[in-house]
PDB file of N, CA and C in Angstrom:
ATOM      1  N   MET A   1     224.312  16.935 108.825  1.00  0.00           N
ATOM      2  CA  MET A   1     224.209  15.599 109.328  1.00  0.00           C
ATOM      3  C   MET A   1     225.054  14.694 108.468  1.00  0.00           C
ATOM      4  N   LEU A   2     225.559  13.630 109.066  1.00  0.00           N
ATOM      5  CA  LEU A   2     226.324  12.618 108.358  1.00  0.00           C
ATOM      6  C   LEU A   2     225.472  11.369 108.279  1.00  0.00           C
ATOM      7  N   VAL A   3     225.210  10.927 107.073  1.00  0.00           N
ATOM      8  CA  VAL A   3     224.461   9.692 106.853  1.00  0.00           C
ATOM      9  C   VAL A   3     225.504   8.632 106.528  1.00  0.00           C
ATOM     10  N   GLU A   4     225.750   7.748 107.481  1.00  0.00           N
ATOM     11  CA  GLU A   4     226.853   6.796 107.344  1.00  0.00           C
ATOM     12  C   GLU A   4     226.547   5.658 106.378  1.00  0.00           C
ATOM     13  N   THR A   5     225.305   5.289 106.234  1.00  0.00           N
ATOM     14  CA  THR A   5     224.926   4.238 105.280  1.00  0.00           C
ATOM     15  C   THR A   5     223.737   4.741 104.461  1.00  0.00           C
ATOM     16  N   ARG A   6     224.052   5.458 103.400  1.00  0.00           N
ATOM     17  CA  ARG A   6     223.006   6.039 102.565  1.00  0.00           C
ATOM     18  C   ARG A   6     222.042   4.997 102.033  1.00  0.00           C
ATOM     19  N   SER A   7     222.565   3.832 101.663  1.00  0.00           N
ATOM     20  CA  SER A   7     221.705   2.801 101.080  1.00  0.00           C
ATOM     21  C   SER A   7     220.634   2.336 102.056  1.00  0.00           C
ATOM     22  N   GLU A   8     220.909   2.401 103.345  1.00  0.00           N
ATOM     23  CA  GLU A   8     219.946   1.953 104.351  1.00  0.00           C
ATOM     24  C   GLU A   8     219.084   3.092 104.888  1.00  0.00           C
ATOM     25  N   ALA A   9     219.625   4.296 104.974  1.00  0.00           N
ATOM     26  CA  ALA A   9     218.942   5.384 105.672  1.00  0.00           C
ATOM     27  C   ALA A   9     218.314   6.430 104.755  1.00  0.00           C
ATOM     28  N   ALA A  10     218.658   6.442 103.491  1.00  0.00           N
ATOM     29  CA  ALA A  10     218.247   7.543 102.606  1.00  0.00           C
ATOM     30  C   ALA A  10     216.740   7.733 102.539  1.00  0.00           C
ATOM     31  N   ALA A  11     215.990   6.672 102.424  1.00  0.00           N
ATOM     32  CA  ALA A  11     214.536   6.806 102.292  1.00  0.00           C
ATOM     33  C   ALA A  11     213.922   7.439 103.541  1.00  0.00           C
ATOM     34  N   ARG A  12     214.342   7.005 104.704  1.00  0.00           N
ATOM     35  CA  ARG A  12     213.786   7.548 105.955  1.00  0.00           C
ATOM     36  C   ARG A  12     214.239   8.997 106.166  1.00  0.00           C
ATOM     37  N   VAL A  13     215.511   9.292 105.849  1.00  0.00           N
ATOM     38  CA  VAL A  13     216.006  10.663 105.962  1.00  0.00           C
ATOM     39  C   VAL A  13     215.190  11.576 105.046  1.00  0.00           C
ATOM     40  N   GLN A  14     214.964  11.139 103.814  1.00  0.00           N
ATOM     41  CA  GLN A  14     214.196  11.944 102.868  1.00  0.00           C
ATOM     42  C   GLN A  14     212.771  12.168 103.368  1.00  0.00           C
ATOM     43  N   GLU A  15     212.174  11.145 103.950  1.00  0.00           N
ATOM     44  CA  GLU A  15     210.821  11.268 104.494  1.00  0.00           C
ATOM     45  C   GLU A  15     210.755  12.333 105.592  1.00  0.00           C
ATOM     46  N   ILE A  16     211.739  12.337 106.467  1.00  0.00           N
ATOM     47  CA  ILE A  16     211.787  13.323 107.549  1.00  0.00           C
ATOM     48  C   ILE A  16     212.025  14.725 106.995  1.00  0.00           C
ATOM     49  N   LEU A  17     212.952  14.853 106.053  1.00  0.00           N
ATOM     50  CA  LEU A  17     213.231  16.162 105.477  1.00  0.00           C
ATOM     51  C   LEU A  17     212.019  16.710 104.727  1.00  0.00           C
ATOM     52  N   THR A  18     211.275  15.842 104.078  1.00  0.00           N
ATOM     53  CA  THR A  18     210.059  16.265 103.395  1.00  0.00           C
ATOM     54  C   THR A  18     209.018  16.745 104.405  1.00  0.00           C
ATOM     55  N   LYS A  19     208.890  16.024 105.513  1.00  0.00           N
ATOM     56  CA  LYS A  19     207.936  16.390 106.561  1.00  0.00           C
ATOM     57  C   LYS A  19     208.207  17.797 107.086  1.00  0.00           C
ATOM     58  N   TYR A  20     209.491  18.164 107.197  1.00  0.00           N
ATOM     59  CA  TYR A  20     209.874  19.477 107.725  1.00  0.00           C
ATOM     60  C   TYR A  20     210.343  20.421 106.617  1.00  0.00           C
ATOM     61  N   GLY A  21     209.895  20.181 105.398  1.00  0.00           N
ATOM     62  CA  GLY A  21     210.340  20.963 104.244  1.00  0.00           C
ATOM     63  C   GLY A  21     210.128  22.458 104.377  1.00  0.00           C
ATOM     64  N   CYS A  22     209.071  22.864 105.064  1.00  0.00           N
ATOM     65  CA  CYS A  22     208.803  24.302 105.228  1.00  0.00           C
ATOM     66  C   CYS A  22     209.783  24.964 106.196  1.00  0.00           C
ATOM     67  N   ASN A  23     210.551  24.160 106.932  1.00  0.00           N
ATOM     68  CA  ASN A  23     211.550  24.691 107.861  1.00  0.00           C
ATOM     69  C   ASN A  23     212.963  24.665 107.274  1.00  0.00           C
ATOM     70  N   ILE A  24     213.108  24.134 106.072  1.00  0.00           N
ATOM     71  CA  ILE A  24     214.430  24.023 105.454  1.00  0.00           C
ATOM     72  C   ILE A  24     214.572  25.104 104.398  1.00  0.00           C
ATOM     73  N   ARG A  25     215.426  26.079 104.688  1.00  0.00           N
ATOM     74  CA  ARG A  25     215.675  27.180 103.753  1.00  0.00           C
ATOM     75  C   ARG A  25     216.683  26.739 102.690  1.00  0.00           C
ATOM     76  N   THR A  26     217.745  26.049 103.114  1.00  0.00           N
ATOM     77  CA  THR A  26     218.791  25.601 102.203  1.00  0.00           C
ATOM     78  C   THR A  26     219.168  24.165 102.546  1.00  0.00           C
ATOM     79  N   ARG A  27     219.384  23.364 101.507  1.00  0.00           N
ATOM     80  CA  ARG A  27     219.812  21.970 101.697  1.00  0.00           C
ATOM     81  C   ARG A  27     220.912  21.693 100.684  1.00  0.00           C
ATOM     82  N   LEU A  28     222.043  21.182 101.185  1.00  0.00           N
ATOM     83  CA  LEU A  28     223.171  20.863 100.322  1.00  0.00           C
ATOM     84  C   LEU A  28     223.653  19.457 100.661  1.00  0.00           C
ATOM     85  N   GLY A  29     223.645  18.582  99.691  1.00  0.00           N
ATOM     86  CA  GLY A  29     224.097  17.211  99.899  1.00  0.00           C
ATOM     87  C   GLY A  29     225.448  16.982  99.249  1.00  0.00           C
ATOM     88  N   LEU A  30     226.349  16.346  99.983  1.00  0.00           N
ATOM     89  CA  LEU A  30     227.702  16.062  99.496  1.00  0.00           C
ATOM     90  C   LEU A  30     228.027  14.588  99.721  1.00  0.00           C
ATOM     91  N   HIS A  31     228.714  13.988  98.776  1.00  0.00           N
ATOM     92  CA  HIS A  31     229.226  12.637  98.966  1.00  0.00           C
ATOM     93  C   HIS A  31     230.489  12.468  98.142  1.00  0.00           C
ATOM     94  N   THR A  32     231.277  11.495  98.527  1.00  0.00           N
ATOM     95  CA  THR A  32     232.537  11.231  97.847  1.00  0.00           C
ATOM     96  C   THR A  32     232.321  10.225  96.725  1.00  0.00           C
ATOM     97  N   LEU A  33     232.896  10.492  95.591  1.00  0.00           N
ATOM     98  CA  LEU A  33     232.849   9.531  94.498  1.00  0.00           C
ATOM     99  C   LEU A  33     234.020   8.568  94.643  1.00  0.00           C
ATOM    100  N   GLU A  34     233.700   7.306  94.807  1.00  0.00           N
ATOM    101  CA  GLU A  34     234.719   6.271  94.892  1.00  0.00           C
ATOM    102  C   GLU A  34     234.514   5.350  93.697  1.00  0.00           C
ATOM    103  N   ALA A  35     235.411   5.448  92.735  1.00  0.00           N
ATOM    104  CA  ALA A  35     235.265   4.693  91.490  1.00  0.00           C
ATOM    105  C   ALA A  35     235.067   3.218  91.795  1.00  0.00           C
ATOM    106  N   PRO A  36     234.183   2.542  91.136  1.00  0.00           N
ATOM    107  CA  PRO A  36     233.301   3.041  90.080  1.00  0.00           C
ATOM    108  C   PRO A  36     231.951   3.506  90.598  1.00  0.00           C
ATOM    109  N   GLU A  37     231.746   3.551  91.908  1.00  0.00           N
ATOM    110  CA  GLU A  37     230.442   3.891  92.474  1.00  0.00           C
ATOM    111  C   GLU A  37     230.549   5.073  93.434  1.00  0.00           C
ATOM    112  N   CYS A  38     229.402   5.606  93.823  1.00  0.00           N
ATOM    113  CA  CYS A  38     229.347   6.643  94.851  1.00  0.00           C
ATOM    114  C   CYS A  38     229.605   6.024  96.220  1.00  0.00           C
ATOM    115  N   SER A  39     230.129   6.819  97.113  1.00  0.00           N
ATOM    116  CA  SER A  39     230.332   6.392  98.492  1.00  0.00           C
ATOM    117  C   SER A  39     228.980   6.133  99.145  1.00  0.00           C
ATOM    118  N   ASN A  40     228.949   5.239 100.101  1.00  0.00           N
ATOM    119  CA  ASN A  40     227.719   4.949 100.834  1.00  0.00           C
ATOM    120  C   ASN A  40     227.526   5.913 101.997  1.00  0.00           C
ATOM    121  N   CYS A  41     228.442   6.867 102.147  1.00  0.00           N
ATOM    122  CA  CYS A  41     228.388   7.849 103.227  1.00  0.00           C
ATOM    123  C   CYS A  41     228.122   9.221 102.608  1.00  0.00           C
ATOM    124  N   GLY A  42     227.247   9.998 103.226  1.00  0.00           N
ATOM    125  CA  GLY A  42     226.940  11.309 102.670  1.00  0.00           C
ATOM    126  C   GLY A  42     226.783  12.360 103.757  1.00  0.00           C
ATOM    127  N   LEU A  43     227.026  13.588 103.388  1.00  0.00           N
ATOM    128  CA  LEU A  43     226.910  14.718 104.285  1.00  0.00           C
ATOM    129  C   LEU A  43     225.798  15.626 103.763  1.00  0.00           C
ATOM    130  N   ILE A  44     224.878  16.019 104.637  1.00  0.00           N
ATOM    131  CA  ILE A  44     223.802  16.937 104.265  1.00  0.00           C
ATOM    132  C   ILE A  44     223.874  18.150 105.181  1.00  0.00           C
ATOM    133  N   LEU A  45     223.994  19.320 104.573  1.00  0.00           N
ATOM    134  CA  LEU A  45     224.002  20.571 105.321  1.00  0.00           C
ATOM    135  C   LEU A  45     222.639  21.228 105.172  1.00  0.00           C
ATOM    136  N   LEU A  46     222.043  21.619 106.288  1.00  0.00           N
ATOM    137  CA  LEU A  46     220.734  22.260 106.272  1.00  0.00           C
ATOM    138  C   LEU A  46     220.814  23.633 106.916  1.00  0.00           C
ATOM    139  N   GLU A  47     220.135  24.605 106.315  1.00  0.00           N
ATOM    140  CA  GLU A  47     219.898  25.896 106.943  1.00  0.00           C
ATOM    141  C   GLU A  47     218.416  25.913 107.280  1.00  0.00           C
ATOM    142  N   LEU A  48     218.110  26.001 108.561  1.00  0.00           N
ATOM    143  CA  LEU A  48     216.726  25.905 109.005  1.00  0.00           C
ATOM    144  C   LEU A  48     216.136  27.275 109.298  1.00  0.00           C
ATOM    145  N   SER A  49     214.828  27.355 109.190  1.00  0.00           N
ATOM    146  CA  SER A  49     214.084  28.553 109.561  1.00  0.00           C
ATOM    147  C   SER A  49     212.829  28.101 110.290  1.00  0.00           C
ATOM    148  N   GLY A  50     212.078  29.047 110.805  1.00  0.00           N
ATOM    149  CA  GLY A  50     210.854  28.702 111.508  1.00  0.00           C
ATOM    150  C   GLY A  50     211.069  28.653 113.006  1.00  0.00           C
ATOM    151  N   SER A  51     210.117  28.061 113.687  1.00  0.00           N
ATOM    152  CA  SER A  51     210.158  28.042 115.146  1.00  0.00           C
ATOM    153  C   SER A  51     211.248  27.114 115.677  1.00  0.00           C
ATOM    154  N   GLN A  52     211.769  27.479 116.830  1.00  0.00           N
ATOM    155  CA  GLN A  52     212.792  26.671 117.495  1.00  0.00           C
ATOM    156  C   GLN A  52     212.248  25.273 117.794  1.00  0.00           C
ATOM    157  N   ASP A  53     210.990  25.178 118.192  1.00  0.00           N
ATOM    158  CA  ASP A  53     210.377  23.889 118.513  1.00  0.00           C
ATOM    159  C   ASP A  53     210.353  22.960 117.298  1.00  0.00           C
ATOM    160  N   GLU A  54     209.989  23.492 116.144  1.00  0.00           N
ATOM    161  CA  GLU A  54     209.968  22.678 114.923  1.00  0.00           C
ATOM    162  C   GLU A  54     211.369  22.197 114.570  1.00  0.00           C
ATOM    163  N   CYS A  55     212.348  23.067 114.682  1.00  0.00           N
ATOM    164  CA  CYS A  55     213.734  22.696 114.369  1.00  0.00           C
ATOM    165  C   CYS A  55     214.233  21.622 115.319  1.00  0.00           C
ATOM    166  N   ILE A  56     213.868  21.708 116.575  1.00  0.00           N
ATOM    167  CA  ILE A  56     214.267  20.695 117.551  1.00  0.00           C
ATOM    168  C   ILE A  56     213.589  19.363 117.246  1.00  0.00           C
ATOM    169  N   ARG A  57     212.332  19.387 116.835  1.00  0.00           N
ATOM    170  CA  ARG A  57     211.641  18.140 116.468  1.00  0.00           C
ATOM    171  C   ARG A  57     212.319  17.484 115.275  1.00  0.00           C
ATOM    172  N   LEU A  58     212.688  18.280 114.274  1.00  0.00           N
ATOM    173  CA  LEU A  58     213.418  17.750 113.121  1.00  0.00           C
ATOM    174  C   LEU A  58     214.726  17.111 113.576  1.00  0.00           C
ATOM    175  N   GLU A  59     215.478  17.815 114.377  1.00  0.00           N
ATOM    176  CA  GLU A  59     216.748  17.294 114.886  1.00  0.00           C
ATOM    177  C   GLU A  59     216.546  15.974 115.634  1.00  0.00           C
ATOM    178  N   ASN A  60     215.555  15.913 116.496  1.00  0.00           N
ATOM    179  CA  ASN A  60     215.314  14.710 117.285  1.00  0.00           C
ATOM    180  C   ASN A  60     214.913  13.520 116.419  1.00  0.00           C
ATOM    181  N   GLU A  61     214.118  13.762 115.387  1.00  0.00           N
ATOM    182  CA  GLU A  61     213.738  12.666 114.491  1.00  0.00           C
ATOM    183  C   GLU A  61     214.951  12.137 113.734  1.00  0.00           C
ATOM    184  N   LEU A  62     215.840  13.034 113.326  1.00  0.00           N
ATOM    185  CA  LEU A  62     217.051  12.594 112.629  1.00  0.00           C
ATOM    186  C   LEU A  62     217.990  11.854 113.583  1.00  0.00           C
ATOM    187  N   LEU A  63     218.108  12.347 114.816  1.00  0.00           N
ATOM    188  CA  LEU A  63     218.969  11.696 115.809  1.00  0.00           C
ATOM    189  C   LEU A  63     218.490  10.292 116.162  1.00  0.00           C
ATOM    190  N   ALA A  64     217.217  10.033 116.012  1.00  0.00           N
ATOM    191  CA  ALA A  64     216.655   8.726 116.341  1.00  0.00           C
ATOM    192  C   ALA A  64     217.008   7.654 115.306  1.00  0.00           C
ATOM    193  N   LEU A  65     217.508   8.062 114.153  1.00  0.00           N
ATOM    194  CA  LEU A  65     217.847   7.108 113.099  1.00  0.00           C
ATOM    195  C   LEU A  65     219.205   6.471 113.357  1.00  0.00           C
ATOM    196  N   ASP A  66     219.300   5.181 113.085  1.00  0.00           N
ATOM    197  CA  ASP A  66     220.596   4.501 113.144  1.00  0.00           C
ATOM    198  C   ASP A  66     221.458   5.004 111.991  1.00  0.00           C
ATOM    199  N   ASN A  67     222.733   5.100 112.223  1.00  0.00           N
ATOM    200  CA  ASN A  67     223.710   5.476 111.198  1.00  0.00           C
ATOM    201  C   ASN A  67     223.556   6.900 110.673  1.00  0.00           C
ATOM    202  N   VAL A  68     222.901   7.772 111.461  1.00  0.00           N
ATOM    203  CA  VAL A  68     222.804   9.190 111.115  1.00  0.00           C
ATOM    204  C   VAL A  68     223.312   9.981 112.322  1.00  0.00           C
ATOM    205  N   ARG A  69     224.298  10.842 112.072  1.00  0.00           N
ATOM    206  CA  ARG A  69     224.835  11.704 113.133  1.00  0.00           C
ATOM    207  C   ARG A  69     224.490  13.145 112.805  1.00  0.00           C
ATOM    208  N   VAL A  70     224.094  13.886 113.832  1.00  0.00           N
ATOM    209  CA  VAL A  70     223.658  15.263 113.647  1.00  0.00           C
ATOM    210  C   VAL A  70     224.500  16.176 114.528  1.00  0.00           C
ATOM    211  N   GLN A  71     224.981  17.251 113.935  1.00  0.00           N
ATOM    212  CA  GLN A  71     225.640  18.315 114.676  1.00  0.00           C
ATOM    213  C   GLN A  71     225.031  19.621 114.186  1.00  0.00           C
ATOM    214  N   LYS A  72     225.087  20.645 115.033  1.00  0.00           N
ATOM    215  CA  LYS A  72     224.502  21.907 114.606  1.00  0.00           C
ATOM    216  C   LYS A  72     225.378  23.085 114.967  1.00  0.00           C
ATOM    217  N   MET A  73     225.180  24.148 114.210  1.00  0.00           N
ATOM    218  CA  MET A  73     225.814  25.432 114.474  1.00  0.00           C
ATOM    219  C   MET A  73     224.694  26.434 114.650  1.00  0.00           C
ATOM    220  N   VAL A  74     224.809  27.271 115.655  1.00  0.00           N
ATOM    221  CA  VAL A  74     223.821  28.302 115.894  1.00  0.00           C
ATOM    222  C   VAL A  74     224.526  29.639 115.853  1.00  0.00           C
ATOM    223  N   PHE A  75     224.023  30.546 115.021  1.00  0.00           N
ATOM    224  CA  PHE A  75     224.613  31.864 114.877  1.00  0.00           C
ATOM    225  C   PHE A  75     223.711  32.894 115.507  1.00  0.00           C
TER     226      PHE A  75
END
């Protein structure tokens, strides 16, 4: 997912990720360092496990947030 305004969305994103923590096998957060501060935009990669229904609920809650874009890969 791309969090376009971390300063505004980070708390809510974290709340959702915590709620679905048992479905998150791997989480990797990336952001660009723009001197002298961090970028306000961040990328979070998730590897999910568990039921398809739970994963879809997580996706839908993230999609409902302003300034958060979600894309997925299914293998």
